PDB file of N, CA and C in Angstrom:
ATOM      1  N   UNK A   1      -0.989 -14.037 -13.327  1.00  0.00           N
ATOM      2  CA  UNK A   1      -0.983 -13.801 -14.755  1.00  0.00           C
ATOM      3  C   UNK A   1      -0.411 -15.033 -15.441  1.00  0.00           C
ATOM      4  N   UNK A   2      -1.196 -15.648 -16.284  1.00  0.00           N
ATOM      5  CA  UNK A   2      -0.706 -16.780 -17.072  1.00  0.00           C
ATOM      6  C   UNK A   2      -0.134 -16.247 -18.375  1.00  0.00           C
ATOM      7  N   UNK A   3       0.983 -16.801 -18.780  1.00  0.00           N
ATOM      8  CA  UNK A   3       1.600 -16.327 -20.009  1.00  0.00           C
ATOM      9  C   UNK A   3       1.990 -17.506 -20.876  1.00  0.00           C
ATOM     10  N   UNK A   4       1.983 -17.282 -22.158  1.00  0.00           N
ATOM     11  CA  UNK A   4       2.327 -18.349 -23.098  1.00  0.00           C
ATOM     12  C   UNK A   4       3.789 -18.282 -23.521  1.00  0.00           C
ATOM     13  N   UNK A   5       4.577 -17.475 -22.841  1.00  0.00           N
ATOM     14  CA  UNK A   5       5.990 -17.331 -23.179  1.00  0.00           C
ATOM     15  C   UNK A   5       6.838 -17.910 -22.054  1.00  0.00           C
ATOM     16  N   UNK A   6       7.769 -18.792 -22.419  1.00  0.00           N
ATOM     17  CA  UNK A   6       8.766 -19.282 -21.473  1.00  0.00           C
ATOM     18  C   UNK A   6      10.119 -18.832 -21.993  1.00  0.00           C
ATOM     19  N   UNK A   7      10.807 -17.974 -21.254  1.00  0.00           N
ATOM     20  CA  UNK A   7      12.130 -17.530 -21.703  1.00  0.00           C
ATOM     21  C   UNK A   7      13.101 -18.715 -21.756  1.00  0.00           C
ATOM     22  N   UNK A   8      14.104 -18.608 -22.583  1.00  0.00           N
ATOM     23  CA  UNK A   8      15.113 -19.652 -22.709  1.00  0.00           C
ATOM     24  C   UNK A   8      16.367 -19.276 -21.943  1.00  0.00           C
ATOM     25  N   UNK A   9      17.107 -20.283 -21.509  1.00  0.00           N
ATOM     26  CA  UNK A   9      18.387 -20.058 -20.852  1.00  0.00           C
ATOM     27  C   UNK A   9      18.259 -19.244 -19.584  1.00  0.00           C
ATOM     28  N   UNK A  10      19.156 -18.292 -19.399  1.00  0.00           N
ATOM     29  CA  UNK A  10      19.200 -17.465 -18.188  1.00  0.00           C
ATOM     30  C   UNK A  10      18.416 -16.169 -18.370  1.00  0.00           C
ATOM     31  N   UNK A  11      17.345 -16.216 -19.146  1.00  0.00           N
ATOM     32  CA  UNK A  11      16.521 -15.031 -19.366  1.00  0.00           C
ATOM     33  C   UNK A  11      15.337 -15.025 -18.409  1.00  0.00           C
ATOM     34  N   UNK A  12      14.789 -13.836 -18.174  1.00  0.00           N
ATOM     35  CA  UNK A  12      13.688 -13.648 -17.238  1.00  0.00           C
ATOM     36  C   UNK A  12      12.631 -12.781 -17.917  1.00  0.00           C
ATOM     37  N   UNK A  13      11.361 -13.158 -17.764  1.00  0.00           N
ATOM     38  CA  UNK A  13      10.246 -12.378 -18.283  1.00  0.00           C
ATOM     39  C   UNK A  13       9.732 -11.488 -17.152  1.00  0.00           C
ATOM     40  N   UNK A  14       9.687 -10.179 -17.386  1.00  0.00           N
ATOM     41  CA  UNK A  14       9.251  -9.235 -16.361  1.00  0.00           C
ATOM     42  C   UNK A  14       8.192  -8.297 -16.919  1.00  0.00           C
ATOM     43  N   UNK A  15       7.425  -7.724 -16.002  1.00  0.00           N
ATOM     44  CA  UNK A  15       6.445  -6.692 -16.364  1.00  0.00           C
ATOM     45  C   UNK A  15       6.828  -5.434 -15.618  1.00  0.00           C
ATOM     46  N   UNK A  16       7.071  -4.362 -16.373  1.00  0.00           N
ATOM     47  CA  UNK A  16       7.438  -3.084 -15.752  1.00  0.00           C
ATOM     48  C   UNK A  16       6.285  -2.550 -14.914  1.00  0.00           C
ATOM     49  N   UNK A  17       6.628  -1.900 -13.808  1.00  0.00           N
ATOM     50  CA  UNK A  17       5.633  -1.221 -12.980  1.00  0.00           C
ATOM     51  C   UNK A  17       5.167   0.019 -13.716  1.00  0.00           C
ATOM     52  N   UNK A  18       3.963   0.459 -13.401  1.00  0.00           N
ATOM     53  CA  UNK A  18       3.446   1.674 -14.035  1.00  0.00           C
ATOM     54  C   UNK A  18       4.209   2.881 -13.523  1.00  0.00           C
ATOM     55  N   UNK A  19       4.566   3.776 -14.439  1.00  0.00           N
ATOM     56  CA  UNK A  19       5.266   4.995 -14.032  1.00  0.00           C
ATOM     57  C   UNK A  19       4.247   6.053 -13.615  1.00  0.00           C
ATOM     58  N   UNK A  20       4.726   7.029 -12.904  1.00  0.00           N
ATOM     59  CA  UNK A  20       3.861   8.112 -12.433  1.00  0.00           C
ATOM     60  C   UNK A  20       3.314   8.896 -13.623  1.00  0.00           C
ATOM     61  N   UNK A  21       2.024   9.202 -13.574  1.00  0.00           N
ATOM     62  CA  UNK A  21       1.407   9.975 -14.646  1.00  0.00           C
ATOM     63  C   UNK A  21       1.360  11.460 -14.312  1.00  0.00           C
ATOM     64  N   UNK A  22       1.621  11.785 -13.050  1.00  0.00           N
ATOM     65  CA  UNK A  22       1.523  13.171 -12.622  1.00  0.00           C
ATOM     66  C   UNK A  22       2.797  13.543 -11.872  1.00  0.00           C
ATOM     67  N   UNK A  23       3.319  14.723 -12.148  1.00  0.00           N
ATOM     68  CA  UNK A  23       4.521  15.195 -11.454  1.00  0.00           C
ATOM     69  C   UNK A  23       4.151  15.669 -10.051  1.00  0.00           C
ATOM     70  N   UNK A  24       5.164  15.947  -9.242  1.00  0.00           N
ATOM     71  CA  UNK A  24       4.930  16.440  -7.885  1.00  0.00           C
ATOM     72  C   UNK A  24       4.178  17.771  -7.905  1.00  0.00           C
ATOM     73  N   UNK A  25       4.350  18.541  -8.986  1.00  0.00           N
ATOM     74  CA  UNK A  25       3.675  19.833  -9.112  1.00  0.00           C
ATOM     75  C   UNK A  25       2.261  19.725  -9.644  1.00  0.00           C
ATOM     76  N   UNK A  26       1.813  18.489  -9.966  1.00  0.00           N
ATOM     77  CA  UNK A  26       0.441  18.288 -10.425  1.00  0.00           C
ATOM     78  C   UNK A  26       0.264  18.287 -11.931  1.00  0.00           C
ATOM     79  N   UNK A  27       1.360  18.295 -12.689  1.00  0.00           N
ATOM     80  CA  UNK A  27       1.266  18.289 -14.152  1.00  0.00           C
ATOM     81  C   UNK A  27       1.166  16.842 -14.644  1.00  0.00           C
ATOM     82  N   UNK A  28       0.178  16.570 -15.499  1.00  0.00           N
ATOM     83  CA  UNK A  28       0.022  15.234 -16.068  1.00  0.00           C
ATOM     84  C   UNK A  28       0.948  15.073 -17.267  1.00  0.00           C
ATOM     85  N   UNK A  29       1.662  13.962 -17.306  1.00  0.00           N
ATOM     86  CA  UNK A  29       2.629  13.708 -18.380  1.00  0.00           C
ATOM     87  C   UNK A  29       2.048  12.779 -19.440  1.00  0.00           C
ATOM     88  N   UNK A  30       2.257  13.098 -20.718  1.00  0.00           N
ATOM     89  CA  UNK A  30       1.851  12.156 -21.770  1.00  0.00           C
ATOM     90  C   UNK A  30       2.829  10.975 -21.788  1.00  0.00           C
ATOM     91  N   UNK A  31       2.430   9.858 -22.408  1.00  0.00           N
ATOM     92  CA  UNK A  31       3.273   8.662 -22.464  1.00  0.00           C
ATOM     93  C   UNK A  31       4.642   8.936 -23.066  1.00  0.00           C
ATOM     94  N   UNK A  32       4.708   9.851 -24.033  1.00  0.00           N
ATOM     95  CA  UNK A  32       5.980  10.125 -24.703  1.00  0.00           C
ATOM     96  C   UNK A  32       6.969  10.856 -23.808  1.00  0.00           C
ATOM     97  N   UNK A  33       6.484  11.502 -22.756  1.00  0.00           N
ATOM     98  CA  UNK A  33       7.366  12.266 -21.873  1.00  0.00           C
ATOM     99  C   UNK A  33       7.789  11.475 -20.636  1.00  0.00           C
ATOM    100  N   UNK A  34       7.183  10.302 -20.442  1.00  0.00           N
ATOM    101  CA  UNK A  34       7.494   9.515 -19.253  1.00  0.00           C
ATOM    102  C   UNK A  34       8.800   8.756 -19.435  1.00  0.00           C
ATOM    103  N   UNK A  35       9.517   8.604 -18.336  1.00  0.00           N
ATOM    104  CA  UNK A  35      10.711   7.757 -18.340  1.00  0.00           C
ATOM    105  C   UNK A  35      10.277   6.312 -18.163  1.00  0.00           C
ATOM    106  N   UNK A  36      11.046   5.393 -18.747  1.00  0.00           N
ATOM    107  CA  UNK A  36      10.740   3.982 -18.553  1.00  0.00           C
ATOM    108  C   UNK A  36      11.009   3.631 -17.094  1.00  0.00           C
ATOM    109  N   UNK A  37      10.036   2.992 -16.437  1.00  0.00           N
ATOM    110  CA  UNK A  37      10.275   2.621 -15.043  1.00  0.00           C
ATOM    111  C   UNK A  37      11.325   1.518 -14.955  1.00  0.00           C
ATOM    112  N   UNK A  38      12.123   1.554 -13.891  1.00  0.00           N
ATOM    113  CA  UNK A  38      13.158   0.549 -13.703  1.00  0.00           C
ATOM    114  C   UNK A  38      12.706  -0.541 -12.747  1.00  0.00           C
ATOM    115  N   UNK A  39      11.543  -0.382 -12.150  1.00  0.00           N
ATOM    116  CA  UNK A  39      11.033  -1.413 -11.252  1.00  0.00           C
ATOM    117  C   UNK A  39      10.108  -2.328 -12.037  1.00  0.00           C
ATOM    118  N   UNK A  40      10.231  -3.644 -11.789  1.00  0.00           N
ATOM    119  CA  UNK A  40       9.435  -4.623 -12.523  1.00  0.00           C
ATOM    120  C   UNK A  40       9.137  -5.820 -11.633  1.00  0.00           C
ATOM    121  N   UNK A  41       8.183  -6.625 -12.076  1.00  0.00           N
ATOM    122  CA  UNK A  41       7.843  -7.865 -11.368  1.00  0.00           C
ATOM    123  C   UNK A  41       8.236  -9.051 -12.240  1.00  0.00           C
ATOM    124  N   UNK A  42       8.856 -10.060 -11.630  1.00  0.00           N
ATOM    125  CA  UNK A  42       9.251 -11.260 -12.360  1.00  0.00           C
ATOM    126  C   UNK A  42       8.010 -12.094 -12.633  1.00  0.00           C
ATOM    127  N   UNK A  43       7.764 -12.375 -13.926  1.00  0.00           N
ATOM    128  CA  UNK A  43       6.607 -13.149 -14.354  1.00  0.00           C
ATOM    129  C   UNK A  43       6.979 -14.611 -14.577  1.00  0.00           C
ATOM    130  N   UNK A  44       8.133 -14.851 -15.213  1.00  0.00           N
ATOM    131  CA  UNK A  44       8.568 -16.220 -15.500  1.00  0.00           C
ATOM    132  C   UNK A  44      10.085 -16.274 -15.598  1.00  0.00           C
ATOM    133  N   UNK A  45      10.636 -17.438 -15.255  1.00  0.00           N
ATOM    134  CA  UNK A  45      12.072 -17.673 -15.362  1.00  0.00           C
ATOM    135  C   UNK A  45      12.357 -18.534 -16.573  1.00  0.00           C
ATOM    136  N   UNK A  46      13.585 -18.438 -17.067  1.00  0.00           N
ATOM    137  CA  UNK A  46      13.997 -19.213 -18.227  1.00  0.00           C
ATOM    138  C   UNK A  46      14.071 -20.699 -17.948  1.00  0.00           C
ATOM    139  N   UNK A  47      14.461 -21.434 -18.964  1.00  0.00           N
ATOM    140  CA  UNK A  47      14.539 -22.889 -18.872  1.00  0.00           C
ATOM    141  C   UNK A  47      15.687 -23.350 -17.996  1.00  0.00           C
ATOM    142  N   UNK A  48      16.634 -22.469 -17.729  1.00  0.00           N
ATOM    143  CA  UNK A  48      17.721 -22.806 -16.836  1.00  0.00           C
ATOM    144  C   UNK A  48      18.827 -23.622 -17.471  1.00  0.00           C
ATOM    145  N   UNK A  49      18.981 -23.540 -18.759  1.00  0.00           N
ATOM    146  CA  UNK A  49      20.066 -24.237 -19.450  1.00  0.00           C
ATOM    147  C   UNK A  49      21.048 -23.200 -19.983  1.00  0.00           C
ATOM    148  N   UNK A  50      22.342 -23.516 -19.887  1.00  0.00           N
ATOM    149  CA  UNK A  50      23.327 -22.612 -20.469  1.00  0.00           C
ATOM    150  C   UNK A  50      23.586 -23.014 -21.916  1.00  0.00           C
ATOM    151  N   UNK A  51      24.529 -22.360 -22.573  1.00  0.00           N
ATOM    152  CA  UNK A  51      24.816 -22.614 -23.984  1.00  0.00           C
ATOM    153  C   UNK A  51      25.269 -24.042 -24.255  1.00  0.00           C
ATOM    154  N   UNK A  52      25.832 -24.695 -23.257  1.00  0.00           N
ATOM    155  CA  UNK A  52      26.318 -26.062 -23.436  1.00  0.00           C
ATOM    156  C   UNK A  52      25.308 -27.104 -22.993  1.00  0.00           C
ATOM    157  N   UNK A  53      24.090 -26.672 -22.602  1.00  0.00           N
ATOM    158  CA  UNK A  53      23.039 -27.592 -22.212  1.00  0.00           C
ATOM    159  C   UNK A  53      23.070 -28.014 -20.760  1.00  0.00           C
ATOM    160  N   UNK A  54      23.961 -27.450 -19.962  1.00  0.00           N
ATOM    161  CA  UNK A  54      24.031 -27.793 -18.541  1.00  0.00           C
ATOM    162  C   UNK A  54      22.884 -27.117 -17.794  1.00  0.00           C
ATOM    163  N   UNK A  55      22.326 -27.838 -16.817  1.00  0.00           N
ATOM    164  CA  UNK A  55      21.218 -27.314 -16.033  1.00  0.00           C
ATOM    165  C   UNK A  55      21.720 -26.283 -15.028  1.00  0.00           C
ATOM    166  N   UNK A  56      21.195 -25.065 -15.126  1.00  0.00           N
ATOM    167  CA  UNK A  56      21.589 -23.992 -14.210  1.00  0.00           C
ATOM    168  C   UNK A  56      20.363 -23.362 -13.544  1.00  0.00           C
ATOM    169  N   UNK A  57      19.221 -24.064 -13.558  1.00  0.00           N
ATOM    170  CA  UNK A  57      17.977 -23.507 -13.037  1.00  0.00           C
ATOM    171  C   UNK A  57      18.097 -23.100 -11.564  1.00  0.00           C
ATOM    172  N   UNK A  58      18.868 -23.852 -10.785  1.00  0.00           N
ATOM    173  CA  UNK A  58      19.017 -23.531  -9.364  1.00  0.00           C
ATOM    174  C   UNK A  58      19.900 -22.312  -9.137  1.00  0.00           C
ATOM    175  N   UNK A  59      20.528 -21.801 -10.180  1.00  0.00           N
ATOM    176  CA  UNK A  59      21.424 -20.664 -10.038  1.00  0.00           C
ATOM    177  C   UNK A  59      20.722 -19.312 -10.172  1.00  0.00           C
ATOM    178  N   UNK A  60      19.428 -19.296 -10.516  1.00  0.00           N
ATOM    179  CA  UNK A  60      18.700 -18.028 -10.596  1.00  0.00           C
ATOM    180  C   UNK A  60      18.663 -17.390  -9.214  1.00  0.00           C
ATOM    181  N   UNK A  61      18.926 -16.102  -9.145  1.00  0.00           N
ATOM    182  CA  UNK A  61      18.893 -15.394  -7.865  1.00  0.00           C
ATOM    183  C   UNK A  61      17.540 -14.755  -7.599  1.00  0.00           C
ATOM    184  N   UNK A  62      16.644 -14.782  -8.579  1.00  0.00           N
ATOM    185  CA  UNK A  62      15.296 -14.242  -8.410  1.00  0.00           C
ATOM    186  C   UNK A  62      14.293 -15.374  -8.570  1.00  0.00           C
ATOM    187  N   UNK A  63      13.076 -15.115  -8.126  1.00  0.00           N
ATOM    188  CA  UNK A  63      12.010 -16.096  -8.311  1.00  0.00           C
ATOM    189  C   UNK A  63      10.749 -15.381  -8.790  1.00  0.00           C
ATOM    190  N   UNK A  64       9.814 -16.147  -9.284  1.00  0.00           N
ATOM    191  CA  UNK A  64       8.562 -15.599  -9.794  1.00  0.00           C
ATOM    192  C   UNK A  64       7.879 -14.783  -8.696  1.00  0.00           C
ATOM    193  N   UNK A  65       7.432 -13.583  -9.045  1.00  0.00           N
ATOM    194  CA  UNK A  65       6.757 -12.703  -8.100  1.00  0.00           C
ATOM    195  C   UNK A  65       7.657 -11.669  -7.450  1.00  0.00           C
ATOM    196  N   UNK A  66       8.984 -11.815  -7.573  1.00  0.00           N
ATOM    197  CA  UNK A  66       9.916 -10.847  -6.994  1.00  0.00           C
ATOM    198  C   UNK A  66       9.773  -9.486  -7.670  1.00  0.00           C
ATOM    199  N   UNK A  67       9.903  -8.419  -6.881  1.00  0.00           N
ATOM    200  CA  UNK A  67       9.994  -7.057  -7.421  1.00  0.00           C
ATOM    201  C   UNK A  67      11.477  -6.766  -7.590  1.00  0.00           C
ATOM    202  N   UNK A  68      11.867  -6.342  -8.787  1.00  0.00           N
ATOM    203  CA  UNK A  68      13.282  -6.149  -9.088  1.00  0.00           C
ATOM    204  C   UNK A  68      13.525  -4.798  -9.739  1.00  0.00           C
ATOM    205  N   UNK A  69      14.775  -4.342  -9.678  1.00  0.00           N
ATOM    206  CA  UNK A  69      15.227  -3.173 -10.433  1.00  0.00           C
ATOM    207  C   UNK A  69      15.969  -3.691 -11.653  1.00  0.00           C
ATOM    208  N   UNK A  70      15.643  -3.137 -12.821  1.00  0.00           N
ATOM    209  CA  UNK A  70      16.246  -3.611 -14.061  1.00  0.00           C
ATOM    210  C   UNK A  70      16.964  -2.473 -14.771  1.00  0.00           C
ATOM    211  N   UNK A  71      17.862  -2.844 -15.696  1.00  0.00           N
ATOM    212  CA  UNK A  71      18.544  -1.842 -16.515  1.00  0.00           C
ATOM    213  C   UNK A  71      17.517  -1.057 -17.304  1.00  0.00           C
ATOM    214  N   UNK A  72      17.777   0.216 -17.475  1.00  0.00           N
ATOM    215  CA  UNK A  72      16.818   1.097 -18.136  1.00  0.00           C
ATOM    216  C   UNK A  72      16.577   0.725 -19.602  1.00  0.00           C
ATOM    217  N   UNK A  73      17.629   0.350 -20.312  1.00  0.00           N
ATOM    218  CA  UNK A  73      17.479   0.126 -21.744  1.00  0.00           C
ATOM    219  C   UNK A  73      17.767  -1.310 -22.163  1.00  0.00           C
ATOM    220  N   UNK A  74      17.805  -2.249 -21.241  1.00  0.00           N
ATOM    221  CA  UNK A  74      18.097  -3.639 -21.574  1.00  0.00           C
ATOM    222  C   UNK A  74      16.842  -4.396 -21.982  1.00  0.00           C
ATOM    223  N   UNK A  75      17.027  -5.547 -22.585  1.00  0.00           N
ATOM    224  CA  UNK A  75      15.930  -6.459 -22.874  1.00  0.00           C
ATOM    225  C   UNK A  75      15.225  -6.227 -24.187  1.00  0.00           C
ATOM    226  N   UNK A  76      14.258  -7.091 -24.427  1.00  0.00           N
ATOM    227  CA  UNK A  76      13.440  -7.048 -25.638  1.00  0.00           C
ATOM    228  C   UNK A  76      11.980  -6.950 -25.235  1.00  0.00           C
ATOM    229  N   UNK A  77      11.296  -5.944 -25.743  1.00  0.00           N
ATOM    230  CA  UNK A  77       9.892  -5.747 -25.403  1.00  0.00           C
ATOM    231  C   UNK A  77       9.017  -6.684 -26.235  1.00  0.00           C
ATOM    232  N   UNK A  78       8.020  -7.296 -25.582  1.00  0.00           N
ATOM    233  CA  UNK A  78       7.054  -8.165 -26.245  1.00  0.00           C
ATOM    234  C   UNK A  78       5.668  -7.820 -25.717  1.00  0.00           C
ATOM    235  N   UNK A  79       4.651  -8.079 -26.537  1.00  0.00           N
ATOM    236  CA  UNK A  79       3.274  -7.821 -26.120  1.00  0.00           C
ATOM    237  C   UNK A  79       2.556  -9.176 -26.067  1.00  0.00           C
ATOM    238  N   UNK A  80       1.991  -9.507 -24.890  1.00  0.00           N
ATOM    239  CA  UNK A  80       1.285 -10.764 -24.696  1.00  0.00           C
ATOM    240  C   UNK A  80      -0.072 -10.458 -24.077  1.00  0.00           C
ATOM    241  N   UNK A  81      -1.141 -10.852 -24.746  1.00  0.00           N
ATOM    242  CA  UNK A  81      -2.505 -10.632 -24.256  1.00  0.00           C
ATOM    243  C   UNK A  81      -2.749  -9.184 -23.857  1.00  0.00           C
ATOM    244  N   UNK A  82      -2.201  -8.241 -24.608  1.00  0.00           N
ATOM    245  CA  UNK A  82      -2.390  -6.825 -24.344  1.00  0.00           C
ATOM    246  C   UNK A  82      -1.458  -6.244 -23.298  1.00  0.00           C
ATOM    247  N   UNK A  83      -0.625  -7.073 -22.669  1.00  0.00           N
ATOM    248  CA  UNK A  83       0.329  -6.590 -21.662  1.00  0.00           C
ATOM    249  C   UNK A  83       1.689  -6.380 -22.299  1.00  0.00           C
ATOM    250  N   UNK A  84       2.344  -5.278 -21.951  1.00  0.00           N
ATOM    251  CA  UNK A  84       3.708  -5.029 -22.409  1.00  0.00           C
ATOM    252  C   UNK A  84       4.665  -5.684 -21.428  1.00  0.00           C
ATOM    253  N   UNK A  85       5.404  -6.680 -21.907  1.00  0.00           N
ATOM    254  CA  UNK A  85       6.358  -7.413 -21.082  1.00  0.00           C
ATOM    255  C   UNK A  85       7.758  -7.219 -21.640  1.00  0.00           C
ATOM    256  N   UNK A  86       8.744  -7.665 -20.894  1.00  0.00           N
ATOM    257  CA  UNK A  86      10.133  -7.490 -21.272  1.00  0.00           C
ATOM    258  C   UNK A  86      10.881  -8.786 -20.983  1.00  0.00           C
ATOM    259  N   UNK A  87      11.638  -9.274 -21.957  1.00  0.00           N
ATOM    260  CA  UNK A  87      12.510 -10.426 -21.752  1.00  0.00           C
ATOM    261  C   UNK A  87      13.922  -9.891 -21.593  1.00  0.00           C
ATOM    262  N   UNK A  88      14.529 -10.170 -20.426  1.00  0.00           N
ATOM    263  CA  UNK A  88      15.864  -9.658 -20.137  1.00  0.00           C
ATOM    264  C   UNK A  88      16.769 -10.799 -19.691  1.00  0.00           C
ATOM    265  N   UNK A  89      18.057 -10.595 -19.825  1.00  0.00           N
ATOM    266  CA  UNK A  89      19.021 -11.524 -19.250  1.00  0.00           C
ATOM    267  C   UNK A  89      19.027 -11.312 -17.746  1.00  0.00           C
ATOM    268  N   UNK A  90      19.306 -12.364 -17.013  1.00  0.00           N
ATOM    269  CA  UNK A  90      19.345 -12.222 -15.558  1.00  0.00           C
ATOM    270  C   UNK A  90      20.395 -11.186 -15.143  1.00  0.00           C
ATOM    271  N   UNK A  91      21.426 -11.019 -15.937  1.00  0.00           N
ATOM    272  CA  UNK A  91      22.465 -10.042 -15.608  1.00  0.00           C
ATOM    273  C   UNK A  91      21.968  -8.599 -15.728  1.00  0.00           C
ATOM    274  N   UNK A  92      20.826  -8.369 -16.390  1.00  0.00           N
ATOM    275  CA  UNK A  92      20.241  -7.033 -16.487  1.00  0.00           C
ATOM    276  C   UNK A  92      19.419  -6.663 -15.251  1.00  0.00           C
ATOM    277  N   UNK A  93      19.293  -7.606 -14.311  1.00  0.00           N
ATOM    278  CA  UNK A  93      18.596  -7.326 -13.056  1.00  0.00           C
ATOM    279  C   UNK A  93      19.609  -6.752 -12.089  1.00  0.00           C
ATOM    280  N   UNK A  94      19.326  -5.544 -11.603  1.00  0.00           N
ATOM    281  CA  UNK A  94      20.277  -4.830 -10.756  1.00  0.00           C
ATOM    282  C   UNK A  94      20.106  -5.154  -9.274  1.00  0.00           C
ATOM    283  N   UNK A  95      18.893  -5.517  -8.861  1.00  0.00           N
ATOM    284  CA  UNK A  95      18.658  -5.826  -7.463  1.00  0.00           C
ATOM    285  C   UNK A  95      17.229  -6.238  -7.218  1.00  0.00           C
ATOM    286  N   UNK A  96      16.975  -6.778  -6.029  1.00  0.00           N
ATOM    287  CA  UNK A  96      15.639  -7.184  -5.612  1.00  0.00           C
ATOM    288  C   UNK A  96      15.114  -6.133  -4.638  1.00  0.00           C
ATOM    289  N   UNK A  97      13.884  -5.666  -4.861  1.00  0.00           N
ATOM    290  CA  UNK A  97      13.264  -4.666  -4.004  1.00  0.00           C
ATOM    291  C   UNK A  97      12.529  -5.394  -2.887  1.00  0.00           C
ATOM    292  N   UNK A  98      12.832  -5.043  -1.659  1.00  0.00           N
ATOM    293  CA  UNK A  98      12.178  -5.688  -0.500  1.00  0.00           C
ATOM    294  C   UNK A  98      11.138  -4.779   0.076  1.00  0.00           C
TER     295      UNK A  98
END
């Protein structure tokens, strides 16, 4: 996926995984009843500069393509080429899914 957004600083651009549309009992859920998924894929990393302009790019603990768990309500939602993406601080990433 090519994107025209490059996050700044220690921010990460992620795409949430699709949530289940059907419950275990077979009931289909409308979008308004679904919980936001906490699993996402890393699309792009920030510029790697801190507030003072020091290079911190090597300090990212995730890389492009990683599957991660993110905070449920963190970040800023953006729409790019019809895709719903999320810009979050690296600190909002809870773990890497293996």
